PDB file of N, CA and C in Angstrom:
ATOM      1  N   MET A   1     -10.880 172.153 -22.099  1.00  0.00           N
ATOM      2  CA  MET A   1     -11.538 172.443 -23.347  1.00  0.00           C
ATOM      3  C   MET A   1     -11.580 173.959 -23.527  1.00  0.00           C
ATOM      4  N   ASN A   2     -11.219 174.418 -24.698  1.00  0.00           N
ATOM      5  CA  ASN A   2     -11.186 175.836 -24.992  1.00  0.00           C
ATOM      6  C   ASN A   2     -12.514 176.249 -25.635  1.00  0.00           C
ATOM      7  N   ILE A   3     -13.332 176.946 -24.888  1.00  0.00           N
ATOM      8  CA  ILE A   3     -14.654 177.342 -25.358  1.00  0.00           C
ATOM      9  C   ILE A   3     -14.681 178.854 -25.504  1.00  0.00           C
ATOM     10  N   GLN A   4     -15.239 179.319 -26.619  1.00  0.00           N
ATOM     11  CA  GLN A   4     -15.272 180.749 -26.895  1.00  0.00           C
ATOM     12  C   GLN A   4     -16.179 181.486 -25.916  1.00  0.00           C
ATOM     13  N   ILE A   5     -15.831 182.728 -25.681  1.00  0.00           N
ATOM     14  CA  ILE A   5     -16.621 183.559 -24.779  1.00  0.00           C
ATOM     15  C   ILE A   5     -18.029 183.771 -25.314  1.00  0.00           C
ATOM     16  N   THR A   6     -18.198 183.810 -26.639  1.00  0.00           N
ATOM     17  CA  THR A   6     -19.533 184.017 -27.201  1.00  0.00           C
ATOM     18  C   THR A   6     -20.456 182.844 -26.874  1.00  0.00           C
ATOM     19  N   ASP A   7     -19.915 181.636 -26.787  1.00  0.00           N
ATOM     20  CA  ASP A   7     -20.728 180.487 -26.387  1.00  0.00           C
ATOM     21  C   ASP A   7     -21.308 180.715 -24.996  1.00  0.00           C
ATOM     22  N   TRP A   8     -20.490 181.226 -24.108  1.00  0.00           N
ATOM     23  CA  TRP A   8     -20.940 181.433 -22.739  1.00  0.00           C
ATOM     24  C   TRP A   8     -21.877 182.621 -22.624  1.00  0.00           C
ATOM     25  N   MET A   9     -21.724 183.606 -23.507  1.00  0.00           N
ATOM     26  CA  MET A   9     -22.668 184.714 -23.526  1.00  0.00           C
ATOM     27  C   MET A   9     -24.048 184.211 -23.953  1.00  0.00           C
ATOM     28  N   VAL A  10     -24.078 183.284 -24.908  1.00  0.00           N
ATOM     29  CA  VAL A  10     -25.338 182.675 -25.341  1.00  0.00           C
ATOM     30  C   VAL A  10     -25.953 181.888 -24.183  1.00  0.00           C
ATOM     31  N   VAL A  11     -25.136 181.113 -23.484  1.00  0.00           N
ATOM     32  CA  VAL A  11     -25.639 180.312 -22.361  1.00  0.00           C
ATOM     33  C   VAL A  11     -26.222 181.215 -21.273  1.00  0.00           C
ATOM     34  N   LEU A  12     -25.504 182.254 -20.898  1.00  0.00           N
ATOM     35  CA  LEU A  12     -26.000 183.148 -19.842  1.00  0.00           C
ATOM     36  C   LEU A  12     -27.235 183.933 -20.288  1.00  0.00           C
ATOM     37  N   GLY A  13     -27.247 184.363 -21.537  1.00  0.00           N
ATOM     38  CA  GLY A  13     -28.431 185.049 -22.057  1.00  0.00           C
ATOM     39  C   GLY A  13     -29.645 184.136 -22.070  1.00  0.00           C
ATOM     40  N   TYR A  14     -29.436 182.895 -22.473  1.00  0.00           N
ATOM     41  CA  TYR A  14     -30.508 181.906 -22.486  1.00  0.00           C
ATOM     42  C   TYR A  14     -30.979 181.610 -21.057  1.00  0.00           C
ATOM     43  N   ALA A  15     -30.040 181.534 -20.120  1.00  0.00           N
ATOM     44  CA  ALA A  15     -30.391 181.298 -18.713  1.00  0.00           C
ATOM     45  C   ALA A  15     -31.281 182.417 -18.189  1.00  0.00           C
ATOM     46  N   VAL A  16     -30.914 183.650 -18.480  1.00  0.00           N
ATOM     47  CA  VAL A  16     -31.707 184.799 -18.025  1.00  0.00           C
ATOM     48  C   VAL A  16     -33.093 184.764 -18.668  1.00  0.00           C
ATOM     49  N   LEU A  17     -33.161 184.450 -19.962  1.00  0.00           N
ATOM     50  CA  LEU A  17     -34.451 184.367 -20.637  1.00  0.00           C
ATOM     51  C   LEU A  17     -35.339 183.296 -20.005  1.00  0.00           C
ATOM     52  N   MET A  18     -34.792 182.128 -19.708  1.00  0.00           N
ATOM     53  CA  MET A  18     -35.585 181.049 -19.111  1.00  0.00           C
ATOM     54  C   MET A  18     -36.038 181.422 -17.699  1.00  0.00           C
ATOM     55  N   GLY A  19     -35.147 182.024 -16.932  1.00  0.00           N
ATOM     56  CA  GLY A  19     -35.516 182.437 -15.575  1.00  0.00           C
ATOM     57  C   GLY A  19     -36.587 183.504 -15.582  1.00  0.00           C
ATOM     58  N   PHE A  20     -36.397 184.515 -16.422  1.00  0.00           N
ATOM     59  CA  PHE A  20     -37.388 185.585 -16.518  1.00  0.00           C
ATOM     60  C   PHE A  20     -38.706 185.052 -17.069  1.00  0.00           C
ATOM     61  N   GLY A  21     -38.635 184.171 -18.061  1.00  0.00           N
ATOM     62  CA  GLY A  21     -39.848 183.591 -18.641  1.00  0.00           C
ATOM     63  C   GLY A  21     -40.654 182.807 -17.623  1.00  0.00           C
ATOM     64  N   GLY A  22     -39.975 182.053 -16.778  1.00  0.00           N
ATOM     65  CA  GLY A  22     -40.663 181.305 -15.729  1.00  0.00           C
ATOM     66  C   GLY A  22     -41.330 182.226 -14.727  1.00  0.00           C
ATOM     67  N   TRP A  23     -40.617 183.274 -14.350  1.00  0.00           N
ATOM     68  CA  TRP A  23     -41.182 184.254 -13.420  1.00  0.00           C
ATOM     69  C   TRP A  23     -42.371 184.969 -14.048  1.00  0.00           C
ATOM     70  N   PHE A  24     -42.238 185.350 -15.317  1.00  0.00           N
ATOM     71  CA  PHE A  24     -43.310 186.052 -16.021  1.00  0.00           C
ATOM     72  C   PHE A  24     -44.548 185.163 -16.150  1.00  0.00           C
ATOM     73  N   GLY A  25     -44.347 183.885 -16.489  1.00  0.00           N
ATOM     74  CA  GLY A  25     -45.468 182.945 -16.585  1.00  0.00           C
ATOM     75  C   GLY A  25     -46.194 182.793 -15.257  1.00  0.00           C
ATOM     76  N   PHE A  26     -45.428 182.807 -14.184  1.00  0.00           N
ATOM     77  CA  PHE A  26     -46.028 182.714 -12.853  1.00  0.00           C
ATOM     78  C   PHE A  26     -46.813 183.986 -12.518  1.00  0.00           C
ATOM     79  N   LYS A  27     -46.216 185.145 -12.798  1.00  0.00           N
ATOM     80  CA  LYS A  27     -46.871 186.416 -12.484  1.00  0.00           C
ATOM     81  C   LYS A  27     -48.126 186.626 -13.331  1.00  0.00           C
ATOM     82  N   LYS A  28     -48.042 186.254 -14.599  1.00  0.00           N
ATOM     83  CA  LYS A  28     -49.156 186.506 -15.514  1.00  0.00           C
ATOM     84  C   LYS A  28     -50.333 185.562 -15.270  1.00  0.00           C
ATOM     85  N   SER A  29     -50.031 184.268 -15.107  1.00  0.00           N
ATOM     86  CA  SER A  29     -51.128 183.301 -15.025  1.00  0.00           C
ATOM     87  C   SER A  29     -51.096 182.442 -13.768  1.00  0.00           C
ATOM     88  N   GLY A  30     -50.150 182.705 -12.877  1.00  0.00           N
ATOM     89  CA  GLY A  30     -50.071 181.926 -11.647  1.00  0.00           C
ATOM     90  C   GLY A  30     -49.560 180.509 -11.859  1.00  0.00           C
ATOM     91  N   SER A  31     -48.832 180.296 -12.956  1.00  0.00           N
ATOM     92  CA  SER A  31     -48.347 178.964 -13.302  1.00  0.00           C
ATOM     93  C   SER A  31     -47.111 178.591 -12.478  1.00  0.00           C
ATOM     94  N   LYS A  32     -47.321 177.742 -11.480  1.00  0.00           N
ATOM     95  CA  LYS A  32     -46.192 177.275 -10.669  1.00  0.00           C
ATOM     96  C   LYS A  32     -45.236 176.405 -11.477  1.00  0.00           C
ATOM     97  N   PRO A  33     -45.723 175.545 -12.403  1.00  0.00           N
ATOM     98  CA  PRO A  33     -44.782 174.788 -13.234  1.00  0.00           C
ATOM     99  C   PRO A  33     -43.858 175.694 -14.052  1.00  0.00           C
ATOM    100  N   SER A  34     -44.376 176.807 -14.557  1.00  0.00           N
ATOM    101  CA  SER A  34     -43.528 177.747 -15.299  1.00  0.00           C
ATOM    102  C   SER A  34     -42.430 178.298 -14.414  1.00  0.00           C
ATOM    103  N   LEU A  35     -42.791 178.659 -13.203  1.00  0.00           N
ATOM    104  CA  LEU A  35     -41.812 179.203 -12.268  1.00  0.00           C
ATOM    105  C   LEU A  35     -40.751 178.159 -11.925  1.00  0.00           C
ATOM    106  N   VAL A  36     -41.175 176.942 -11.630  1.00  0.00           N
ATOM    107  CA  VAL A  36     -40.237 175.877 -11.259  1.00  0.00           C
ATOM    108  C   VAL A  36     -39.294 175.556 -12.410  1.00  0.00           C
ATOM    109  N   VAL A  37     -39.842 175.361 -13.603  1.00  0.00           N
ATOM    110  CA  VAL A  37     -39.002 175.029 -14.760  1.00  0.00           C
ATOM    111  C   VAL A  37     -38.087 176.196 -15.104  1.00  0.00           C
ATOM    112  N   GLY A  38     -38.590 177.415 -15.020  1.00  0.00           N
ATOM    113  CA  GLY A  38     -37.761 178.584 -15.303  1.00  0.00           C
ATOM    114  C   GLY A  38     -36.591 178.713 -14.337  1.00  0.00           C
ATOM    115  N   VAL A  39     -36.874 178.561 -13.049  1.00  0.00           N
ATOM    116  CA  VAL A  39     -35.819 178.676 -12.037  1.00  0.00           C
ATOM    117  C   VAL A  39     -34.823 177.521 -12.154  1.00  0.00           C
ATOM    118  N   LEU A  40     -35.327 176.300 -12.347  1.00  0.00           N
ATOM    119  CA  LEU A  40     -34.426 175.143 -12.481  1.00  0.00           C
ATOM    120  C   LEU A  40     -33.539 175.252 -13.713  1.00  0.00           C
ATOM    121  N   SER A  41     -34.121 175.637 -14.839  1.00  0.00           N
ATOM    122  CA  SER A  41     -33.302 175.744 -16.044  1.00  0.00           C
ATOM    123  C   SER A  41     -32.292 176.885 -15.902  1.00  0.00           C
ATOM    124  N   PHE A  42     -32.696 177.987 -15.283  1.00  0.00           N
ATOM    125  CA  PHE A  42     -31.750 179.073 -15.004  1.00  0.00           C
ATOM    126  C   PHE A  42     -30.586 178.553 -14.168  1.00  0.00           C
ATOM    127  N   ALA A  43     -30.913 177.828 -13.103  1.00  0.00           N
ATOM    128  CA  ALA A  43     -29.880 177.322 -12.192  1.00  0.00           C
ATOM    129  C   ALA A  43     -28.935 176.353 -12.900  1.00  0.00           C
ATOM    130  N   VAL A  44     -29.479 175.434 -13.685  1.00  0.00           N
ATOM    131  CA  VAL A  44     -28.640 174.448 -14.383  1.00  0.00           C
ATOM    132  C   VAL A  44     -27.726 175.148 -15.387  1.00  0.00           C
ATOM    133  N   LEU A  45     -28.256 176.110 -16.112  1.00  0.00           N
ATOM    134  CA  LEU A  45     -27.444 176.820 -17.101  1.00  0.00           C
ATOM    135  C   LEU A  45     -26.350 177.661 -16.441  1.00  0.00           C
ATOM    136  N   VAL A  46     -26.652 178.262 -15.309  1.00  0.00           N
ATOM    137  CA  VAL A  46     -25.623 179.037 -14.595  1.00  0.00           C
ATOM    138  C   VAL A  46     -24.551 178.101 -14.047  1.00  0.00           C
ATOM    139  N   VAL A  47     -24.957 176.947 -13.532  1.00  0.00           N
ATOM    140  CA  VAL A  47     -23.969 175.956 -13.065  1.00  0.00           C
ATOM    141  C   VAL A  47     -23.101 175.503 -14.233  1.00  0.00           C
ATOM    142  N   ALA A  48     -23.716 175.254 -15.394  1.00  0.00           N
ATOM    143  CA  ALA A  48     -22.946 174.860 -16.583  1.00  0.00           C
ATOM    144  C   ALA A  48     -21.905 175.923 -16.918  1.00  0.00           C
ATOM    145  N   TYR A  49     -22.280 177.174 -16.779  1.00  0.00           N
ATOM    146  CA  TYR A  49     -21.341 178.261 -17.020  1.00  0.00           C
ATOM    147  C   TYR A  49     -20.169 178.213 -16.038  1.00  0.00           C
ATOM    148  N   PHE A  50     -20.469 178.065 -14.757  1.00  0.00           N
ATOM    149  CA  PHE A  50     -19.411 178.102 -13.754  1.00  0.00           C
ATOM    150  C   PHE A  50     -18.498 176.879 -13.802  1.00  0.00           C
ATOM    151  N   ILE A  51     -19.024 175.724 -14.159  1.00  0.00           N
ATOM    152  CA  ILE A  51     -18.159 174.538 -14.251  1.00  0.00           C
ATOM    153  C   ILE A  51     -17.578 174.371 -15.657  1.00  0.00           C
ATOM    154  N   GLN A  52     -17.942 175.310 -16.554  1.00  0.00           N
ATOM    155  CA  GLN A  52     -17.411 175.341 -17.917  1.00  0.00           C
ATOM    156  C   GLN A  52     -17.671 174.033 -18.673  1.00  0.00           C
ATOM    157  N   GLU A  53     -18.880 173.526 -18.576  1.00  0.00           N
ATOM    158  CA  GLU A  53     -19.288 172.312 -19.288  1.00  0.00           C
ATOM    159  C   GLU A  53     -20.400 172.672 -20.268  1.00  0.00           C
ATOM    160  N   LEU A  54     -20.015 172.887 -21.517  1.00  0.00           N
ATOM    161  CA  LEU A  54     -20.965 173.302 -22.535  1.00  0.00           C
ATOM    162  C   LEU A  54     -21.997 172.219 -22.832  1.00  0.00           C
ATOM    163  N   TRP A  55     -21.613 170.957 -22.678  1.00  0.00           N
ATOM    164  CA  TRP A  55     -22.560 169.872 -22.973  1.00  0.00           C
ATOM    165  C   TRP A  55     -23.773 169.920 -22.044  1.00  0.00           C
ATOM    166  N   VAL A  56     -23.607 170.431 -20.823  1.00  0.00           N
ATOM    167  CA  VAL A  56     -24.745 170.557 -19.905  1.00  0.00           C
ATOM    168  C   VAL A  56     -25.744 171.574 -20.466  1.00  0.00           C
ATOM    169  N   ALA A  57     -25.247 172.668 -21.013  1.00  0.00           N
ATOM    170  CA  ALA A  57     -26.116 173.675 -21.619  1.00  0.00           C
ATOM    171  C   ALA A  57     -26.789 173.127 -22.876  1.00  0.00           C
ATOM    172  N   VAL A  58     -26.060 172.335 -23.647  1.00  0.00           N
ATOM    173  CA  VAL A  58     -26.648 171.709 -24.847  1.00  0.00           C
ATOM    174  C   VAL A  58     -27.779 170.766 -24.440  1.00  0.00           C
ATOM    175  N   ALA A  59     -27.537 169.943 -23.442  1.00  0.00           N
ATOM    176  CA  ALA A  59     -28.560 168.995 -22.985  1.00  0.00           C
ATOM    177  C   ALA A  59     -29.774 169.728 -22.421  1.00  0.00           C
ATOM    178  N   THR A  60     -29.541 170.789 -21.677  1.00  0.00           N
ATOM    179  CA  THR A  60     -30.646 171.554 -21.096  1.00  0.00           C
ATOM    180  C   THR A  60     -31.484 172.218 -22.182  1.00  0.00           C
ATOM    181  N   SER A  61     -30.834 172.844 -23.141  1.00  0.00           N
ATOM    182  CA  SER A  61     -31.593 173.499 -24.214  1.00  0.00           C
ATOM    183  C   SER A  61     -32.300 172.458 -25.085  1.00  0.00           C
ATOM    184  N   GLY A  62     -31.701 171.292 -25.264  1.00  0.00           N
ATOM    185  CA  GLY A  62     -32.364 170.221 -26.012  1.00  0.00           C
ATOM    186  C   GLY A  62     -33.588 169.701 -25.292  1.00  0.00           C
ATOM    187  N   LEU A  63     -33.459 169.503 -23.987  1.00  0.00           N
ATOM    188  CA  LEU A  63     -34.592 169.034 -23.193  1.00  0.00           C
ATOM    189  C   LEU A  63     -35.718 170.072 -23.175  1.00  0.00           C
ATOM    190  N   LEU A  64     -35.359 171.328 -23.030  1.00  0.00           N
ATOM    191  CA  LEU A  64     -36.372 172.382 -23.061  1.00  0.00           C
ATOM    192  C   LEU A  64     -37.028 172.482 -24.434  1.00  0.00           C
ATOM    193  N   SER A  65     -36.266 172.247 -25.501  1.00  0.00           N
ATOM    194  CA  SER A  65     -36.860 172.222 -26.845  1.00  0.00           C
ATOM    195  C   SER A  65     -37.921 171.139 -26.931  1.00  0.00           C
ATOM    196  N   LEU A  66     -37.627 169.976 -26.382  1.00  0.00           N
ATOM    197  CA  LEU A  66     -38.590 168.879 -26.382  1.00  0.00           C
ATOM    198  C   LEU A  66     -39.836 169.241 -25.564  1.00  0.00           C
ATOM    199  N   VAL A  67     -39.638 169.820 -24.398  1.00  0.00           N
ATOM    200  CA  VAL A  67     -40.761 170.220 -23.545  1.00  0.00           C
ATOM    201  C   VAL A  67     -41.643 171.236 -24.265  1.00  0.00           C
ATOM    202  N   PHE A  68     -41.019 172.234 -24.883  1.00  0.00           N
ATOM    203  CA  PHE A  68     -41.804 173.249 -25.589  1.00  0.00           C
ATOM    204  C   PHE A  68     -42.479 172.668 -26.831  1.00  0.00           C
ATOM    205  N   PHE A  69     -41.830 171.715 -27.503  1.00  0.00           N
ATOM    206  CA  PHE A  69     -42.451 171.056 -28.648  1.00  0.00           C
ATOM    207  C   PHE A  69     -43.712 170.311 -28.220  1.00  0.00           C
ATOM    208  N   LEU A  70     -43.606 169.562 -27.126  1.00  0.00           N
ATOM    209  CA  LEU A  70     -44.770 168.830 -26.619  1.00  0.00           C
ATOM    210  C   LEU A  70     -45.883 169.788 -26.212  1.00  0.00           C
ATOM    211  N   ARG A  71     -45.509 170.907 -25.629  1.00  0.00           N
ATOM    212  CA  ARG A  71     -46.500 171.897 -25.215  1.00  0.00           C
ATOM    213  C   ARG A  71     -47.205 172.515 -26.424  1.00  0.00           C
ATOM    214  N   VAL A  72     -46.433 172.868 -27.456  1.00  0.00           N
ATOM    215  CA  VAL A  72     -47.028 173.435 -28.668  1.00  0.00           C
ATOM    216  C   VAL A  72     -47.921 172.404 -29.350  1.00  0.00           C
ATOM    217  N   SER A  73     -47.487 171.156 -29.377  1.00  0.00           N
ATOM    218  CA  SER A  73     -48.291 170.093 -29.979  1.00  0.00           C
ATOM    219  C   SER A  73     -49.632 169.943 -29.269  1.00  0.00           C
ATOM    220  N   LYS A  74     -49.608 170.143 -27.971  1.00  0.00           N
ATOM    221  CA  LYS A  74     -50.826 169.998 -27.174  1.00  0.00           C
ATOM    222  C   LYS A  74     -51.755 171.207 -27.307  1.00  0.00           C
ATOM    223  N   THR A  75     -51.192 172.410 -27.224  1.00  0.00           N
ATOM    224  CA  THR A  75     -52.026 173.620 -27.189  1.00  0.00           C
ATOM    225  C   THR A  75     -52.266 174.236 -28.563  1.00  0.00           C
ATOM    226  N   ARG A  76     -51.356 173.981 -29.506  1.00  0.00           N
ATOM    227  CA  ARG A  76     -51.421 174.595 -30.842  1.00  0.00           C
ATOM    228  C   ARG A  76     -51.354 176.124 -30.789  1.00  0.00           C
ATOM    229  N   LYS A  77     -50.694 176.646 -29.761  1.00  0.00           N
ATOM    230  CA  LYS A  77     -50.556 178.099 -29.619  1.00  0.00           C
ATOM    231  C   LYS A  77     -49.097 178.495 -29.808  1.00  0.00           C
ATOM    232  N   LEU A  78     -48.906 179.565 -30.564  1.00  0.00           N
ATOM    233  CA  LEU A  78     -47.551 180.039 -30.825  1.00  0.00           C
ATOM    234  C   LEU A  78     -46.939 180.721 -29.605  1.00  0.00           C
ATOM    235  N   MET A  79     -47.733 181.425 -28.846  1.00  0.00           N
ATOM    236  CA  MET A  79     -47.208 182.150 -27.688  1.00  0.00           C
ATOM    237  C   MET A  79     -47.633 181.484 -26.398  1.00  0.00           C
ATOM    238  N   PRO A  80     -46.781 181.284 -25.461  1.00  0.00           N
ATOM    239  CA  PRO A  80     -45.352 181.558 -25.504  1.00  0.00           C
ATOM    240  C   PRO A  80     -44.523 180.339 -25.914  1.00  0.00           C
ATOM    241  N   SER A  81     -45.147 179.156 -25.885  1.00  0.00           N
ATOM    242  CA  SER A  81     -44.385 177.915 -26.093  1.00  0.00           C
ATOM    243  C   SER A  81     -43.737 177.816 -27.470  1.00  0.00           C
ATOM    244  N   GLY A  82     -44.426 178.265 -28.503  1.00  0.00           N
ATOM    245  CA  GLY A  82     -43.862 178.190 -29.852  1.00  0.00           C
ATOM    246  C   GLY A  82     -42.622 179.043 -30.000  1.00  0.00           C
ATOM    247  N   LEU A  83     -42.682 180.233 -29.457  1.00  0.00           N
ATOM    248  CA  LEU A  83     -41.534 181.133 -29.512  1.00  0.00           C
ATOM    249  C   LEU A  83     -40.362 180.564 -28.709  1.00  0.00           C
ATOM    250  N   LEU A  84     -40.658 180.026 -27.540  1.00  0.00           N
ATOM    251  CA  LEU A  84     -39.603 179.428 -26.719  1.00  0.00           C
ATOM    252  C   LEU A  84     -39.047 178.161 -27.360  1.00  0.00           C
ATOM    253  N   LEU A  85     -39.880 177.423 -28.087  1.00  0.00           N
ATOM    254  CA  LEU A  85     -39.397 176.256 -28.835  1.00  0.00           C
ATOM    255  C   LEU A  85     -38.380 176.685 -29.881  1.00  0.00           C
ATOM    256  N   VAL A  86     -38.715 177.689 -30.656  1.00  0.00           N
ATOM    257  CA  VAL A  86     -37.805 178.174 -31.699  1.00  0.00           C
ATOM    258  C   VAL A  86     -36.504 178.672 -31.075  1.00  0.00           C
ATOM    259  N   PHE A  87     -36.611 179.466 -30.044  1.00  0.00           N
ATOM    260  CA  PHE A  87     -35.422 180.019 -29.397  1.00  0.00           C
ATOM    261  C   PHE A  87     -34.560 178.910 -28.783  1.00  0.00           C
ATOM    262  N   SER A  88     -35.186 177.956 -28.097  1.00  0.00           N
ATOM    263  CA  SER A  88     -34.442 176.850 -27.475  1.00  0.00           C
ATOM    264  C   SER A  88     -33.760 175.981 -28.520  1.00  0.00           C
ATOM    265  N   ALA A  89     -34.451 175.719 -29.614  1.00  0.00           N
ATOM    266  CA  ALA A  89     -33.864 174.900 -30.680  1.00  0.00           C
ATOM    267  C   ALA A  89     -32.670 175.606 -31.313  1.00  0.00           C
ATOM    268  N   ILE A  90     -32.792 176.908 -31.534  1.00  0.00           N
ATOM    269  CA  ILE A  90     -31.672 177.669 -32.103  1.00  0.00           C
ATOM    270  C   ILE A  90     -30.476 177.633 -31.161  1.00  0.00           C
ATOM    271  N   VAL A  91     -30.704 177.855 -29.875  1.00  0.00           N
ATOM    272  CA  VAL A  91     -29.618 177.823 -28.892  1.00  0.00           C
ATOM    273  C   VAL A  91     -28.991 176.434 -28.856  1.00  0.00           C
ATOM    274  N   CYS A  92     -29.807 175.395 -28.842  1.00  0.00           N
ATOM    275  CA  CYS A  92     -29.303 174.026 -28.799  1.00  0.00           C
ATOM    276  C   CYS A  92     -28.431 173.720 -30.016  1.00  0.00           C
ATOM    277  N   ILE A  93     -28.923 174.048 -31.190  1.00  0.00           N
ATOM    278  CA  ILE A  93     -28.169 173.774 -32.423  1.00  0.00           C
ATOM    279  C   ILE A  93     -26.880 174.587 -32.453  1.00  0.00           C
ATOM    280  N   TYR A  94     -26.954 175.856 -32.101  1.00  0.00           N
ATOM    281  CA  TYR A  94     -25.765 176.711 -32.080  1.00  0.00           C
ATOM    282  C   TYR A  94     -24.692 176.145 -31.148  1.00  0.00           C
ATOM    283  N   LEU A  95     -25.096 175.802 -29.935  1.00  0.00           N
ATOM    284  CA  LEU A  95     -24.125 175.278 -28.962  1.00  0.00           C
ATOM    285  C   LEU A  95     -23.600 173.909 -29.374  1.00  0.00           C
ATOM    286  N   LEU A  96     -24.469 173.076 -29.912  1.00  0.00           N
ATOM    287  CA  LEU A  96     -24.044 171.739 -30.343  1.00  0.00           C
ATOM    288  C   LEU A  96     -23.035 171.821 -31.481  1.00  0.00           C
ATOM    289  N   VAL A  97     -23.306 172.679 -32.449  1.00  0.00           N
ATOM    290  CA  VAL A  97     -22.367 172.863 -33.570  1.00  0.00           C
ATOM    291  C   VAL A  97     -21.021 173.353 -33.042  1.00  0.00           C
ATOM    292  N   ASN A  98     -21.048 174.299 -32.139  1.00  0.00           N
ATOM    293  CA  ASN A  98     -19.796 174.828 -31.583  1.00  0.00           C
ATOM    294  C   ASN A  98     -19.074 173.790 -30.724  1.00  0.00           C
ATOM    295  N   LEU A  99     -19.832 172.989 -30.000  1.00  0.00           N
ATOM    296  CA  LEU A  99     -19.219 171.962 -29.166  1.00  0.00           C
ATOM    297  C   LEU A  99     -18.573 170.869 -30.027  1.00  0.00           C
ATOM    298  N   LEU A 100     -19.279 170.424 -31.048  1.00  0.00           N
ATOM    299  CA  LEU A 100     -18.750 169.372 -31.918  1.00  0.00           C
ATOM    300  C   LEU A 100     -17.644 169.870 -32.833  1.00  0.00           C
ATOM    301  N   GLY A 101     -17.650 171.164 -33.111  1.00  0.00           N
ATOM    302  CA  GLY A 101     -16.635 171.736 -33.973  1.00  0.00           C
ATOM    303  C   GLY A 101     -15.289 171.941 -33.302  1.00  0.00           C
ATOM    304  N   LYS A 102     -15.216 171.708 -32.017  1.00  0.00           N
ATOM    305  CA  LYS A 102     -13.970 171.934 -31.274  1.00  0.00           C
ATOM    306  C   LYS A 102     -13.214 170.643 -31.071  1.00  0.00           C
TER     307      LYS A 102
END
């Protein structure tokens, strides 16, 4: 499958954001779930990059969108879950459109 380099730049940028976000959530509030989810999503997205499977990145960003949606629904707070929901949804839609368009 011929995938554009910009798709992979989005995946790697998103991976770094999720990893850093998990670490930041842990440092700021001691949230171990944030750290675990951040590290796991970083790892899955990096693996998706190395095995060149864009659908794995689409599924990961979709699942994270759902997780952040549920979190926002529960807390009604825009930061940080609302912002991460918007960002994850944009990444998911962007990658899905590019994947289906090929």
